[in-house]
Amino acid sequence: MNAPDNWQKSSFSGSGDGNACLELASTPTTLRLRESDTPATVLTTTPAAVAHLLAKARSCAAALPSVS
């Protein structure tokens, strides 16, 4: 398995090197996630699985009552 070399830092993390953040990398068939604090631990999944997770999260969030 080839390790991706295109890790991208979350835009919510700020610009410093010391910030804890989520990083994402992709290959043609996988998405890989890691935390900047522990870069050796990588979660590998597929785009379809992430799309399903996000769709479910959106539908659950839409069902929650509004907070004013």
N, C-alpha and C. Protein backbone atom coordinates (compact mmCIF):
# COMPACT_ATOMS: atom_id res chain seq x y z
N MET A 1 0.85 -1.17 0.00
CA MET A 1 0.00 0.00 0.00
C MET A 1 0.90 1.24 0.00
N ASN A 2 0.66 2.13 -0.92
CA ASN A 2 1.43 3.36 -0.98
C ASN A 2 0.86 4.39 -0.02
N ALA A 3 1.74 5.02 0.74
CA ALA A 3 1.31 6.07 1.65
C ALA A 3 1.15 7.37 0.86
N PRO A 4 0.07 8.08 1.09
CA PRO A 4 -0.11 9.34 0.37
C PRO A 4 0.88 10.39 0.86
N ASP A 5 1.26 11.28 0.00
CA ASP A 5 2.16 12.36 0.40
C ASP A 5 1.47 13.72 0.28
N ASN A 6 0.15 13.71 0.20
CA ASN A 6 -0.60 14.94 0.00
C ASN A 6 -1.46 15.29 1.22
N TRP A 7 -0.89 15.16 2.42
CA TRP A 7 -1.65 15.47 3.63
C TRP A 7 -2.03 16.94 3.64
N GLN A 8 -3.31 17.20 3.95
CA GLN A 8 -3.82 18.57 4.03
C GLN A 8 -4.33 18.81 5.44
N LYS A 9 -3.99 19.95 5.99
CA LYS A 9 -4.38 20.32 7.34
C LYS A 9 -5.76 20.99 7.30
N SER A 10 -6.56 20.73 8.30
CA SER A 10 -7.87 21.35 8.41
C SER A 10 -7.74 22.86 8.45
N SER A 11 -8.60 23.56 7.76
CA SER A 11 -8.58 25.03 7.76
C SER A 11 -9.01 25.61 9.11
N PHE A 12 -9.60 24.81 9.96
CA PHE A 12 -10.04 25.26 11.28
C PHE A 12 -8.91 25.19 12.30
N SER A 13 -7.73 24.72 11.91
CA SER A 13 -6.66 24.46 12.86
C SER A 13 -5.73 25.64 13.10
N GLY A 14 -5.81 26.67 12.32
CA GLY A 14 -4.88 27.77 12.46
C GLY A 14 -3.64 27.52 11.63
N SER A 15 -2.61 28.34 11.83
CA SER A 15 -1.44 28.23 10.96
C SER A 15 -0.19 27.75 11.66
N GLY A 16 -0.18 27.62 12.96
CA GLY A 16 1.04 27.21 13.67
C GLY A 16 1.30 25.72 13.59
N ASP A 17 2.56 25.34 13.75
CA ASP A 17 2.91 23.91 13.74
C ASP A 17 2.44 23.18 14.98
N GLY A 18 2.27 23.88 16.09
CA GLY A 18 1.91 23.23 17.34
C GLY A 18 0.42 22.97 17.51
N ASN A 19 -0.39 23.40 16.60
CA ASN A 19 -1.83 23.23 16.73
C ASN A 19 -2.24 21.78 16.49
N ALA A 20 -3.08 21.26 17.37
CA ALA A 20 -3.64 19.93 17.17
C ALA A 20 -4.69 20.04 16.08
N CYS A 21 -4.60 19.19 15.09
CA CYS A 21 -5.56 19.30 14.00
C CYS A 21 -5.77 17.95 13.32
N LEU A 22 -6.78 17.92 12.51
CA LEU A 22 -7.08 16.77 11.68
C LEU A 22 -6.46 16.99 10.31
N GLU A 23 -5.81 15.96 9.79
CA GLU A 23 -5.22 16.04 8.46
C GLU A 23 -5.85 14.97 7.59
N LEU A 24 -5.99 15.26 6.31
CA LEU A 24 -6.64 14.37 5.35
C LEU A 24 -5.73 14.19 4.15
N ALA A 25 -5.65 12.96 3.68
CA ALA A 25 -4.91 12.67 2.45
C ALA A 25 -5.76 11.70 1.63
N SER A 26 -5.54 11.71 0.32
CA SER A 26 -6.33 10.81 -0.53
C SER A 26 -5.45 10.09 -1.53
N THR A 27 -5.93 8.94 -1.92
CA THR A 27 -5.39 8.19 -3.04
C THR A 27 -6.58 8.02 -3.99
N PRO A 28 -6.40 7.41 -5.13
CA PRO A 28 -7.56 7.25 -6.02
C PRO A 28 -8.73 6.47 -5.42
N THR A 29 -8.46 5.60 -4.43
CA THR A 29 -9.54 4.77 -3.89
C THR A 29 -9.78 4.92 -2.40
N THR A 30 -8.96 5.71 -1.71
CA THR A 30 -9.10 5.81 -0.25
C THR A 30 -8.99 7.24 0.23
N LEU A 31 -9.52 7.45 1.43
CA LEU A 31 -9.31 8.68 2.19
C LEU A 31 -8.61 8.27 3.47
N ARG A 32 -7.63 9.06 3.88
CA ARG A 32 -6.90 8.75 5.11
C ARG A 32 -6.96 9.96 6.01
N LEU A 33 -7.21 9.69 7.29
CA LEU A 33 -7.32 10.74 8.30
C LEU A 33 -6.30 10.47 9.39
N ARG A 34 -5.70 11.52 9.92
CA ARG A 34 -4.80 11.38 11.06
C ARG A 34 -4.86 12.66 11.88
N GLU A 35 -4.47 12.53 13.14
CA GLU A 35 -4.35 13.68 14.01
C GLU A 35 -2.91 14.14 13.98
N SER A 36 -2.68 15.43 13.95
CA SER A 36 -1.31 15.93 13.87
C SER A 36 -0.49 15.54 15.09
N ASP A 37 -1.13 15.32 16.23
CA ASP A 37 -0.42 14.91 17.44
C ASP A 37 0.11 13.48 17.34
N THR A 38 -0.57 12.63 16.57
CA THR A 38 -0.16 11.23 16.43
C THR A 38 -0.20 10.84 14.95
N PRO A 39 0.74 11.35 14.16
CA PRO A 39 0.69 11.12 12.72
C PRO A 39 0.91 9.67 12.28
N ALA A 40 1.43 8.83 13.16
CA ALA A 40 1.63 7.43 12.80
C ALA A 40 0.32 6.64 12.82
N THR A 41 -0.69 7.15 13.51
CA THR A 41 -1.99 6.48 13.57
C THR A 41 -2.87 7.06 12.48
N VAL A 42 -3.21 6.22 11.51
CA VAL A 42 -3.97 6.67 10.35
C VAL A 42 -5.24 5.83 10.21
N LEU A 43 -6.36 6.50 10.03
CA LEU A 43 -7.63 5.84 9.75
C LEU A 43 -7.83 5.87 8.24
N THR A 44 -8.00 4.70 7.65
CA THR A 44 -8.19 4.60 6.20
C THR A 44 -9.62 4.16 5.92
N THR A 45 -10.27 4.85 5.01
CA THR A 45 -11.64 4.54 4.64
C THR A 45 -11.84 4.84 3.16
N THR A 46 -13.07 4.71 2.70
CA THR A 46 -13.37 4.98 1.29
C THR A 46 -14.22 6.24 1.18
N PRO A 47 -14.19 6.88 0.04
CA PRO A 47 -15.06 8.06 -0.14
C PRO A 47 -16.54 7.73 0.08
N ALA A 48 -16.98 6.56 -0.34
CA ALA A 48 -18.39 6.19 -0.18
C ALA A 48 -18.77 6.08 1.29
N ALA A 49 -17.91 5.52 2.11
CA ALA A 49 -18.20 5.40 3.54
C ALA A 49 -18.27 6.77 4.21
N VAL A 50 -17.38 7.67 3.85
CA VAL A 50 -17.40 9.02 4.41
C VAL A 50 -18.65 9.76 3.96
N ALA A 51 -19.03 9.61 2.70
CA ALA A 51 -20.25 10.25 2.20
C ALA A 51 -21.48 9.76 2.95
N HIS A 52 -21.53 8.47 3.23
CA HIS A 52 -22.65 7.89 3.98
C HIS A 52 -22.68 8.45 5.41
N LEU A 53 -21.53 8.52 6.05
CA LEU A 53 -21.44 9.07 7.40
C LEU A 53 -21.91 10.52 7.43
N LEU A 54 -21.44 11.34 6.49
CA LEU A 54 -21.83 12.75 6.45
C LEU A 54 -23.32 12.91 6.17
N ALA A 55 -23.87 12.10 5.28
CA ALA A 55 -25.30 12.18 4.98
C ALA A 55 -26.13 11.85 6.22
N LYS A 56 -25.72 10.85 6.96
CA LYS A 56 -26.43 10.47 8.18
C LYS A 56 -26.33 11.57 9.23
N ALA A 57 -25.14 12.15 9.38
CA ALA A 57 -24.96 13.24 10.35
C ALA A 57 -25.83 14.43 9.98
N ARG A 58 -25.90 14.75 8.69
CA ARG A 58 -26.74 15.88 8.25
C ARG A 58 -28.21 15.61 8.52
N SER A 59 -28.66 14.39 8.24
CA SER A 59 -30.08 14.08 8.44
C SER A 59 -30.43 14.09 9.93
N CYS A 60 -29.52 13.64 10.76
CA CYS A 60 -29.78 13.67 12.21
C CYS A 60 -29.78 15.11 12.71
N ALA A 61 -28.85 15.93 12.23
CA ALA A 61 -28.78 17.33 12.64
C ALA A 61 -30.05 18.07 12.21
N ALA A 62 -30.57 17.75 11.04
CA ALA A 62 -31.77 18.41 10.54
C ALA A 62 -32.99 18.06 11.40
N ALA A 63 -32.95 16.89 12.03
CA ALA A 63 -34.10 16.45 12.84
C ALA A 63 -34.07 17.05 14.25
N LEU A 64 -32.96 17.67 14.65
CA LEU A 64 -32.88 18.27 15.98
C LEU A 64 -33.68 19.57 16.03
N PRO A 65 -34.24 19.87 17.20
CA PRO A 65 -34.97 21.14 17.31
C PRO A 65 -34.01 22.32 17.21
N SER A 66 -34.50 23.42 16.69
CA SER A 66 -33.69 24.63 16.57
C SER A 66 -33.47 25.24 17.93
N VAL A 67 -32.28 25.82 18.10
CA VAL A 67 -31.95 26.51 19.34
C VAL A 67 -31.88 28.00 19.03
N SER A 68 -32.63 28.80 19.79
CA SER A 68 -32.63 30.24 19.53
C SER A 68 -31.76 30.97 20.51
